[in-house]
């Protein structure tokens, strides 16, 4: 039986701070992603992770630092310019004052416009490259949204 204490992490204000932080890192040219896969580089993940409010969820397997560049791309707040992620006009406008609407926009866009399938990070998941083995990422995201009660 696991006797470790449960940890509650309230992330609402953290999300606003982290959105602004990653937008600022993009504006400074410090966010690099693969021009082929759109995934953030290892150096970018370390940079973002070191700037996140409250840090990442798991130090040994960064989730938030990996996800923020992908969310900005899916939301249209940033776009690849070679290997650097640059702010779009929409991203520059959000940089002024990240809001609940900005976070809501990213959530809705992730449901239908995510840059990658999140399962692709986990090599142990079988059937990723075979047709009709896994449900589509879009279908899985809708199920996640339903599960957390925020389907819009």
N, C-alpha and C. Protein backbone atom coordinates (compact mmCIF):
# COMPACT_ATOMS: atom_id res chain seq x y z
N UNK A 1 0.84 -1.18 0.00
CA UNK A 1 0.00 0.00 0.00
C UNK A 1 0.88 1.24 0.00
N UNK A 2 0.57 2.18 -0.83
CA UNK A 2 1.32 3.41 -0.95
C UNK A 2 0.96 4.35 0.20
N UNK A 3 1.95 4.73 0.97
CA UNK A 3 1.70 5.61 2.10
C UNK A 3 2.14 7.05 1.84
N UNK A 4 2.52 7.35 0.59
CA UNK A 4 2.95 8.71 0.29
C UNK A 4 1.76 9.66 0.34
N UNK A 5 2.00 10.86 0.87
CA UNK A 5 0.89 11.82 0.98
C UNK A 5 0.47 12.31 -0.40
N UNK A 6 -0.82 12.56 -0.53
CA UNK A 6 -1.32 13.12 -1.78
C UNK A 6 -0.95 14.59 -1.84
N UNK A 7 -0.66 15.06 -3.02
CA UNK A 7 -0.29 16.45 -3.22
C UNK A 7 -1.32 17.11 -4.10
N UNK A 8 -1.85 18.19 -3.64
CA UNK A 8 -2.78 18.96 -4.44
C UNK A 8 -2.02 20.16 -4.99
N UNK A 9 -2.06 20.32 -6.30
CA UNK A 9 -1.34 21.42 -6.93
C UNK A 9 -2.35 22.27 -7.68
N UNK A 10 -2.58 23.46 -7.17
CA UNK A 10 -3.53 24.38 -7.80
C UNK A 10 -2.79 25.12 -8.91
N UNK A 11 -3.23 24.93 -10.13
CA UNK A 11 -2.43 25.40 -11.27
C UNK A 11 -3.05 26.57 -12.05
N UNK A 12 -4.14 27.12 -11.57
CA UNK A 12 -4.77 28.20 -12.33
C UNK A 12 -3.83 29.40 -12.52
N UNK A 13 -3.34 29.97 -11.42
CA UNK A 13 -2.45 31.12 -11.53
C UNK A 13 -1.11 30.72 -12.16
N UNK A 14 -0.68 29.50 -11.87
CA UNK A 14 0.55 28.98 -12.45
C UNK A 14 0.46 28.95 -13.98
N UNK A 15 -0.70 28.59 -14.51
CA UNK A 15 -0.88 28.53 -15.97
C UNK A 15 -0.72 29.91 -16.60
N UNK A 16 -1.27 30.93 -15.98
CA UNK A 16 -1.11 32.29 -16.51
C UNK A 16 0.36 32.69 -16.52
N UNK A 17 1.05 32.43 -15.41
CA UNK A 17 2.47 32.78 -15.32
C UNK A 17 3.29 32.00 -16.34
N UNK A 18 3.01 30.71 -16.48
CA UNK A 18 3.78 29.88 -17.40
C UNK A 18 3.52 30.25 -18.85
N UNK A 19 2.29 30.59 -19.17
CA UNK A 19 1.99 31.03 -20.54
C UNK A 19 2.81 32.27 -20.86
N UNK A 20 2.79 33.24 -19.97
CA UNK A 20 3.56 34.46 -20.19
C UNK A 20 5.06 34.16 -20.31
N UNK A 21 5.56 33.30 -19.44
CA UNK A 21 6.98 32.95 -19.44
C UNK A 21 7.39 32.33 -20.77
N UNK A 22 6.62 31.38 -21.25
CA UNK A 22 7.00 30.70 -22.50
C UNK A 22 6.84 31.64 -23.69
N UNK A 23 5.84 32.50 -23.66
CA UNK A 23 5.72 33.52 -24.72
C UNK A 23 6.94 34.43 -24.71
N UNK A 24 7.39 34.84 -23.52
CA UNK A 24 8.58 35.69 -23.43
C UNK A 24 9.82 34.98 -23.93
N UNK A 25 9.95 33.69 -23.61
CA UNK A 25 11.09 32.91 -24.12
C UNK A 25 11.05 32.83 -25.65
N UNK A 26 9.86 32.68 -26.21
CA UNK A 26 9.72 32.68 -27.68
C UNK A 26 10.13 34.03 -28.25
N UNK A 27 9.66 35.09 -27.63
CA UNK A 27 9.98 36.45 -28.10
C UNK A 27 11.49 36.70 -28.06
N UNK A 28 12.17 36.08 -27.09
CA UNK A 28 13.62 36.24 -26.96
C UNK A 28 14.39 35.27 -27.86
N UNK A 29 13.68 34.42 -28.62
CA UNK A 29 14.34 33.48 -29.53
C UNK A 29 14.96 32.29 -28.83
N UNK A 30 14.50 31.97 -27.62
CA UNK A 30 15.10 30.89 -26.84
C UNK A 30 14.37 29.57 -26.94
N UNK A 31 13.34 29.49 -27.77
CA UNK A 31 12.59 28.24 -27.90
C UNK A 31 12.86 27.66 -29.28
N UNK A 32 13.49 26.49 -29.28
CA UNK A 32 13.80 25.80 -30.54
C UNK A 32 13.04 24.49 -30.60
N UNK A 33 12.54 24.20 -31.80
CA UNK A 33 11.82 22.96 -32.05
C UNK A 33 12.32 22.38 -33.36
N UNK A 34 12.15 21.10 -33.53
CA UNK A 34 12.53 20.45 -34.77
C UNK A 34 11.67 20.99 -35.91
N UNK A 35 12.31 21.32 -37.01
CA UNK A 35 11.54 21.79 -38.16
C UNK A 35 10.76 20.66 -38.84
N UNK A 36 11.11 19.41 -38.52
CA UNK A 36 10.40 18.27 -39.10
C UNK A 36 9.27 17.76 -38.20
N UNK A 37 9.53 17.66 -36.88
CA UNK A 37 8.54 17.08 -35.97
C UNK A 37 7.81 18.12 -35.13
N UNK A 38 8.31 19.33 -35.09
CA UNK A 38 7.76 20.43 -34.27
C UNK A 38 7.97 20.23 -32.78
N UNK A 39 8.67 19.18 -32.39
CA UNK A 39 8.92 18.91 -30.98
C UNK A 39 10.02 19.82 -30.45
N UNK A 40 9.90 20.25 -29.18
CA UNK A 40 10.95 21.09 -28.60
C UNK A 40 12.25 20.30 -28.41
N UNK A 41 13.36 21.01 -28.55
CA UNK A 41 14.66 20.38 -28.36
C UNK A 41 14.89 20.10 -26.88
N UNK A 42 15.85 19.23 -26.59
CA UNK A 42 16.19 18.91 -25.20
C UNK A 42 16.65 20.17 -24.46
N UNK A 43 17.43 21.01 -25.12
CA UNK A 43 17.89 22.25 -24.49
C UNK A 43 16.72 23.18 -24.19
N UNK A 44 15.76 23.24 -25.10
CA UNK A 44 14.57 24.07 -24.88
C UNK A 44 13.76 23.55 -23.71
N UNK A 45 13.62 22.24 -23.62
CA UNK A 45 12.87 21.65 -22.50
C UNK A 45 13.55 22.02 -21.17
N UNK A 46 14.87 21.96 -21.14
CA UNK A 46 15.59 22.34 -19.91
C UNK A 46 15.39 23.83 -19.61
N UNK A 47 15.49 24.67 -20.64
CA UNK A 47 15.32 26.11 -20.44
C UNK A 47 13.93 26.43 -19.92
N UNK A 48 12.92 25.91 -20.58
CA UNK A 48 11.54 26.18 -20.14
C UNK A 48 11.33 25.63 -18.74
N UNK A 49 11.79 24.41 -18.49
CA UNK A 49 11.62 23.80 -17.17
C UNK A 49 12.22 24.63 -16.05
N UNK A 50 13.34 25.27 -16.34
CA UNK A 50 13.99 26.09 -15.30
C UNK A 50 13.26 27.40 -15.05
N UNK A 51 12.35 27.78 -15.95
CA UNK A 51 11.60 29.03 -15.81
C UNK A 51 10.15 28.84 -15.36
N UNK A 52 9.66 27.61 -15.33
CA UNK A 52 8.26 27.39 -14.98
C UNK A 52 7.99 27.73 -13.52
N UNK A 53 6.86 28.38 -13.26
CA UNK A 53 6.43 28.63 -11.89
C UNK A 53 6.19 27.27 -11.24
N UNK A 54 6.72 27.04 -10.09
CA UNK A 54 6.59 25.77 -9.36
C UNK A 54 7.29 24.61 -10.05
N UNK A 55 8.06 24.86 -11.10
CA UNK A 55 8.77 23.79 -11.79
C UNK A 55 7.83 22.88 -12.56
N UNK A 56 8.40 21.81 -13.10
CA UNK A 56 7.61 20.85 -13.86
C UNK A 56 6.97 19.87 -12.90
N UNK A 57 6.06 19.06 -13.39
CA UNK A 57 5.37 18.10 -12.54
C UNK A 57 6.31 16.99 -12.07
N UNK A 58 7.16 16.50 -12.96
CA UNK A 58 8.11 15.44 -12.64
C UNK A 58 9.48 15.85 -13.17
N UNK A 59 10.45 16.00 -12.29
CA UNK A 59 11.78 16.45 -12.69
C UNK A 59 12.43 15.49 -13.68
N UNK A 60 12.23 14.19 -13.49
CA UNK A 60 12.89 13.20 -14.34
C UNK A 60 12.19 12.98 -15.68
N UNK A 61 10.97 13.46 -15.82
CA UNK A 61 10.22 13.31 -17.07
C UNK A 61 9.38 14.57 -17.30
N UNK A 62 10.01 15.63 -17.80
CA UNK A 62 9.30 16.91 -17.94
C UNK A 62 8.10 16.81 -18.87
N UNK A 63 6.97 17.19 -18.35
CA UNK A 63 5.74 17.16 -19.12
C UNK A 63 5.38 18.57 -19.57
N UNK A 64 5.31 19.50 -18.62
CA UNK A 64 4.90 20.87 -18.94
C UNK A 64 5.90 21.55 -19.86
N UNK A 65 7.19 21.38 -19.59
CA UNK A 65 8.21 22.03 -20.43
C UNK A 65 8.17 21.49 -21.86
N UNK A 66 7.81 20.25 -22.02
CA UNK A 66 7.65 19.65 -23.34
C UNK A 66 6.38 20.16 -24.01
N UNK A 67 5.31 20.30 -23.23
CA UNK A 67 3.99 20.61 -23.79
C UNK A 67 3.81 22.07 -24.19
N UNK A 68 4.36 23.01 -23.42
CA UNK A 68 4.08 24.42 -23.71
C UNK A 68 4.41 24.84 -25.15
N UNK A 69 5.57 24.49 -25.72
CA UNK A 69 5.81 24.89 -27.11
C UNK A 69 4.79 24.28 -28.08
N UNK A 70 4.36 23.07 -27.80
CA UNK A 70 3.37 22.42 -28.66
C UNK A 70 2.01 23.10 -28.53
N UNK A 71 1.65 23.50 -27.30
CA UNK A 71 0.40 24.22 -27.09
C UNK A 71 0.41 25.57 -27.80
N UNK A 72 1.54 26.28 -27.73
CA UNK A 72 1.62 27.58 -28.41
C UNK A 72 1.47 27.43 -29.91
N UNK A 73 2.04 26.35 -30.47
CA UNK A 73 1.90 26.11 -31.90
C UNK A 73 0.45 25.74 -32.24
N UNK A 74 -0.15 24.86 -31.46
CA UNK A 74 -1.54 24.44 -31.72
C UNK A 74 -2.49 25.62 -31.60
N UNK A 75 -2.21 26.51 -30.66
CA UNK A 75 -3.08 27.67 -30.44
C UNK A 75 -2.86 28.81 -31.39
N UNK A 76 -1.82 28.71 -32.22
CA UNK A 76 -1.53 29.80 -33.15
C UNK A 76 -0.86 30.99 -32.50
N UNK A 77 -0.34 30.81 -31.29
CA UNK A 77 0.37 31.89 -30.60
C UNK A 77 1.83 31.98 -31.05
N UNK A 78 2.35 30.89 -31.62
CA UNK A 78 3.72 30.85 -32.11
C UNK A 78 3.79 29.91 -33.31
N UNK A 79 4.76 30.16 -34.16
CA UNK A 79 4.96 29.33 -35.34
C UNK A 79 6.45 29.13 -35.56
N UNK A 80 6.80 28.03 -36.17
CA UNK A 80 8.21 27.76 -36.46
C UNK A 80 8.73 28.67 -37.56
N UNK A 81 9.89 29.21 -37.32
CA UNK A 81 10.64 29.97 -38.31
C UNK A 81 12.00 29.28 -38.36
N UNK A 82 12.12 28.28 -39.25
CA UNK A 82 13.29 27.40 -39.23
C UNK A 82 13.14 26.49 -38.03
N UNK A 83 14.06 26.61 -37.08
CA UNK A 83 13.95 25.81 -35.87
C UNK A 83 13.56 26.65 -34.65
N UNK A 84 13.39 27.93 -34.83
CA UNK A 84 12.99 28.80 -33.70
C UNK A 84 11.48 29.01 -33.72
N UNK A 85 10.93 28.99 -32.54
CA UNK A 85 9.51 29.27 -32.39
C UNK A 85 9.36 30.77 -32.20
N UNK A 86 8.65 31.41 -33.12
CA UNK A 86 8.45 32.87 -33.09
C UNK A 86 6.99 33.17 -32.79
N UNK A 87 6.78 34.27 -32.08
CA UNK A 87 5.41 34.67 -31.77
C UNK A 87 4.70 35.14 -33.03
N UNK A 88 3.45 34.79 -33.13
CA UNK A 88 2.58 35.30 -34.19
C UNK A 88 1.96 36.60 -33.66
N UNK A 89 1.28 37.35 -34.50
CA UNK A 89 0.57 38.54 -33.99
C UNK A 89 -0.37 38.19 -32.84
N UNK A 90 -1.06 37.05 -32.94
CA UNK A 90 -1.94 36.63 -31.85
C UNK A 90 -1.14 36.38 -30.57
N UNK A 91 0.02 35.76 -30.70
CA UNK A 91 0.87 35.50 -29.53
C UNK A 91 1.40 36.78 -28.91
N UNK A 92 1.76 37.74 -29.75
CA UNK A 92 2.23 39.04 -29.23
C UNK A 92 1.12 39.75 -28.46
N UNK A 93 -0.12 39.63 -28.94
CA UNK A 93 -1.22 40.28 -28.23
C UNK A 93 -1.50 39.60 -26.89
N UNK A 94 -1.33 38.28 -26.82
CA UNK A 94 -1.54 37.56 -25.57
C UNK A 94 -0.41 37.86 -24.58
N UNK A 95 0.78 38.09 -25.10
CA UNK A 95 1.93 38.38 -24.24
C UNK A 95 1.65 39.57 -23.34
N UNK A 96 0.90 40.53 -23.83
CA UNK A 96 0.57 41.71 -23.03
C UNK A 96 -0.17 41.36 -21.76
N UNK A 97 -1.08 40.40 -21.83
CA UNK A 97 -1.85 40.03 -20.64
C UNK A 97 -2.51 38.67 -20.86
N UNK A 98 -1.82 37.60 -20.48
CA UNK A 98 -2.46 36.28 -20.58
C UNK A 98 -3.74 36.27 -19.73
N UNK A 99 -4.77 35.70 -20.30
CA UNK A 99 -6.07 35.72 -19.63
C UNK A 99 -6.68 34.32 -19.61
N UNK A 100 -7.78 34.22 -18.91
CA UNK A 100 -8.51 32.95 -18.90
C UNK A 100 -8.93 32.58 -20.32
N UNK A 101 -9.29 33.57 -21.11
CA UNK A 101 -9.68 33.29 -22.49
C UNK A 101 -8.51 32.73 -23.30
N UNK A 102 -7.29 33.20 -23.04
CA UNK A 102 -6.10 32.67 -23.72
C UNK A 102 -5.90 31.20 -23.39
N UNK A 103 -6.04 30.87 -22.10
CA UNK A 103 -5.88 29.48 -21.68
C UNK A 103 -7.00 28.63 -22.26
N UNK A 104 -8.22 29.14 -22.25
CA UNK A 104 -9.37 28.43 -22.83
C UNK A 104 -9.14 28.17 -24.32
N UNK A 105 -8.61 29.17 -25.02
CA UNK A 105 -8.31 29.03 -26.45
C UNK A 105 -7.30 27.90 -26.67
N UNK A 106 -6.24 27.86 -25.87
CA UNK A 106 -5.24 26.80 -26.01
C UNK A 106 -5.86 25.42 -25.77
N UNK A 107 -6.70 25.33 -24.75
CA UNK A 107 -7.37 24.06 -24.44
C UNK A 107 -8.22 23.60 -25.64
N UNK A 108 -9.03 24.50 -26.16
CA UNK A 108 -9.91 24.13 -27.27
C UNK A 108 -9.13 23.76 -28.52
N UNK A 109 -8.07 24.48 -28.79
CA UNK A 109 -7.25 24.18 -29.97
C UNK A 109 -6.52 22.85 -29.80
N UNK A 110 -6.06 22.55 -28.58
CA UNK A 110 -5.38 21.29 -28.34
C UNK A 110 -6.31 20.12 -28.65
N UNK A 111 -7.58 20.28 -28.35
CA UNK A 111 -8.53 19.20 -28.60
C UNK A 111 -8.57 18.80 -30.07
N UNK A 112 -8.39 19.75 -30.97
CA UNK A 112 -8.57 19.46 -32.40
C UNK A 112 -7.35 19.77 -33.27
N UNK A 113 -6.36 20.48 -32.75
CA UNK A 113 -5.25 20.91 -33.60
C UNK A 113 -3.87 20.64 -33.00
N UNK A 114 -3.76 19.64 -32.13
CA UNK A 114 -2.47 19.38 -31.50
C UNK A 114 -1.43 19.05 -32.57
N UNK A 115 -0.20 19.45 -32.29
CA UNK A 115 0.89 19.31 -33.25
C UNK A 115 1.35 17.86 -33.36
N UNK A 116 1.35 17.14 -32.24
CA UNK A 116 1.77 15.73 -32.25
C UNK A 116 0.76 14.89 -31.48
N UNK A 117 0.88 13.59 -31.62
CA UNK A 117 0.13 12.66 -30.79
C UNK A 117 0.97 12.44 -29.53
N UNK A 118 0.41 12.74 -28.39
CA UNK A 118 1.15 12.65 -27.14
C UNK A 118 1.72 11.25 -26.90
N UNK A 119 1.05 10.22 -27.38
CA UNK A 119 1.54 8.86 -27.20
C UNK A 119 2.89 8.65 -27.88
N UNK A 120 3.22 9.47 -28.86
CA UNK A 120 4.46 9.27 -29.60
C UNK A 120 5.69 9.48 -28.71
N UNK A 121 5.53 10.09 -27.56
CA UNK A 121 6.65 10.25 -26.62
C UNK A 121 6.98 8.95 -25.91
N UNK A 122 6.05 8.00 -25.92
CA UNK A 122 6.20 6.78 -25.12
C UNK A 122 6.43 5.61 -26.07
N UNK A 123 7.68 5.23 -26.20
CA UNK A 123 8.05 4.19 -27.16
C UNK A 123 7.46 2.83 -26.82
N UNK A 124 7.12 2.60 -25.55
CA UNK A 124 6.61 1.30 -25.14
C UNK A 124 5.17 1.05 -25.60
N UNK A 125 4.48 2.07 -26.05
CA UNK A 125 3.11 1.89 -26.54
C UNK A 125 3.18 1.28 -27.93
N UNK A 126 2.68 0.09 -28.02
CA UNK A 126 2.74 -0.66 -29.29
C UNK A 126 1.63 -0.22 -30.24
N UNK A 127 1.89 -0.38 -31.51
CA UNK A 127 0.88 -0.13 -32.52
C UNK A 127 0.78 1.31 -33.00
N UNK A 128 1.73 2.14 -32.61
CA UNK A 128 1.65 3.55 -32.99
C UNK A 128 1.82 3.78 -34.49
N UNK A 129 2.54 2.90 -35.13
CA UNK A 129 2.82 3.10 -36.55
C UNK A 129 2.00 2.18 -37.45
N UNK A 130 1.13 1.39 -36.84
CA UNK A 130 0.28 0.48 -37.61
C UNK A 130 -1.11 1.10 -37.74
N UNK A 131 -1.72 0.93 -38.90
CA UNK A 131 -3.06 1.50 -39.07
C UNK A 131 -4.11 0.76 -38.24
N UNK A 132 -5.09 1.50 -37.76
CA UNK A 132 -6.26 0.95 -37.07
C UNK A 132 -5.95 0.16 -35.80
N UNK A 133 -4.87 0.52 -35.11
CA UNK A 133 -4.55 -0.16 -33.85
C UNK A 133 -4.97 0.71 -32.67
N UNK A 134 -4.59 1.96 -32.70
CA UNK A 134 -4.96 2.90 -31.64
C UNK A 134 -6.07 3.83 -32.13
N UNK A 135 -6.85 4.31 -31.18
CA UNK A 135 -7.82 5.35 -31.56
C UNK A 135 -7.03 6.60 -31.94
N UNK A 136 -7.64 7.47 -32.69
CA UNK A 136 -6.95 8.69 -33.10
C UNK A 136 -6.70 9.58 -31.90
N UNK A 137 -5.66 10.39 -32.01
CA UNK A 137 -5.34 11.33 -30.93
C UNK A 137 -6.51 12.27 -30.68
N UNK A 138 -7.17 12.71 -31.72
CA UNK A 138 -8.30 13.62 -31.56
C UNK A 138 -9.42 12.97 -30.75
N UNK A 139 -9.70 11.70 -31.01
CA UNK A 139 -10.72 10.97 -30.27
C UNK A 139 -10.31 10.83 -28.80
N UNK A 140 -9.04 10.50 -28.56
CA UNK A 140 -8.56 10.37 -27.18
C UNK A 140 -8.65 11.70 -26.45
N UNK A 141 -8.31 12.79 -27.11
CA UNK A 141 -8.38 14.12 -26.47
C UNK A 141 -9.81 14.47 -26.10
N UNK A 142 -10.75 14.14 -26.94
CA UNK A 142 -12.16 14.41 -26.62
C UNK A 142 -12.57 13.61 -25.39
N UNK A 143 -12.08 12.39 -25.28
CA UNK A 143 -12.40 11.56 -24.11
C UNK A 143 -11.78 12.16 -22.85
N UNK A 144 -10.57 12.68 -22.96
CA UNK A 144 -9.93 13.35 -21.82
C UNK A 144 -10.78 14.55 -21.40
N UNK A 145 -11.19 15.34 -22.38
CA UNK A 145 -12.02 16.52 -22.10
C UNK A 145 -13.31 16.12 -21.41
N UNK A 146 -13.93 15.07 -21.87
CA UNK A 146 -15.16 14.59 -21.24
C UNK A 146 -14.86 14.13 -19.82
N UNK A 147 -13.75 13.43 -19.65
CA UNK A 147 -13.39 12.92 -18.34
C UNK A 147 -13.13 14.00 -17.31
N UNK A 148 -12.57 15.11 -17.73
CA UNK A 148 -12.32 16.19 -16.77
C UNK A 148 -13.49 17.16 -16.71
N UNK A 149 -14.52 16.90 -17.51
CA UNK A 149 -15.74 17.69 -17.41
C UNK A 149 -15.68 19.07 -18.03
N UNK A 150 -14.78 19.26 -18.97
CA UNK A 150 -14.63 20.57 -19.58
C UNK A 150 -14.81 20.53 -21.09
N UNK A 151 -15.59 19.64 -21.58
CA UNK A 151 -15.80 19.54 -23.02
C UNK A 151 -16.56 20.78 -23.48
N UNK A 152 -16.01 21.43 -24.47
CA UNK A 152 -16.67 22.64 -24.95
C UNK A 152 -17.07 22.54 -26.39
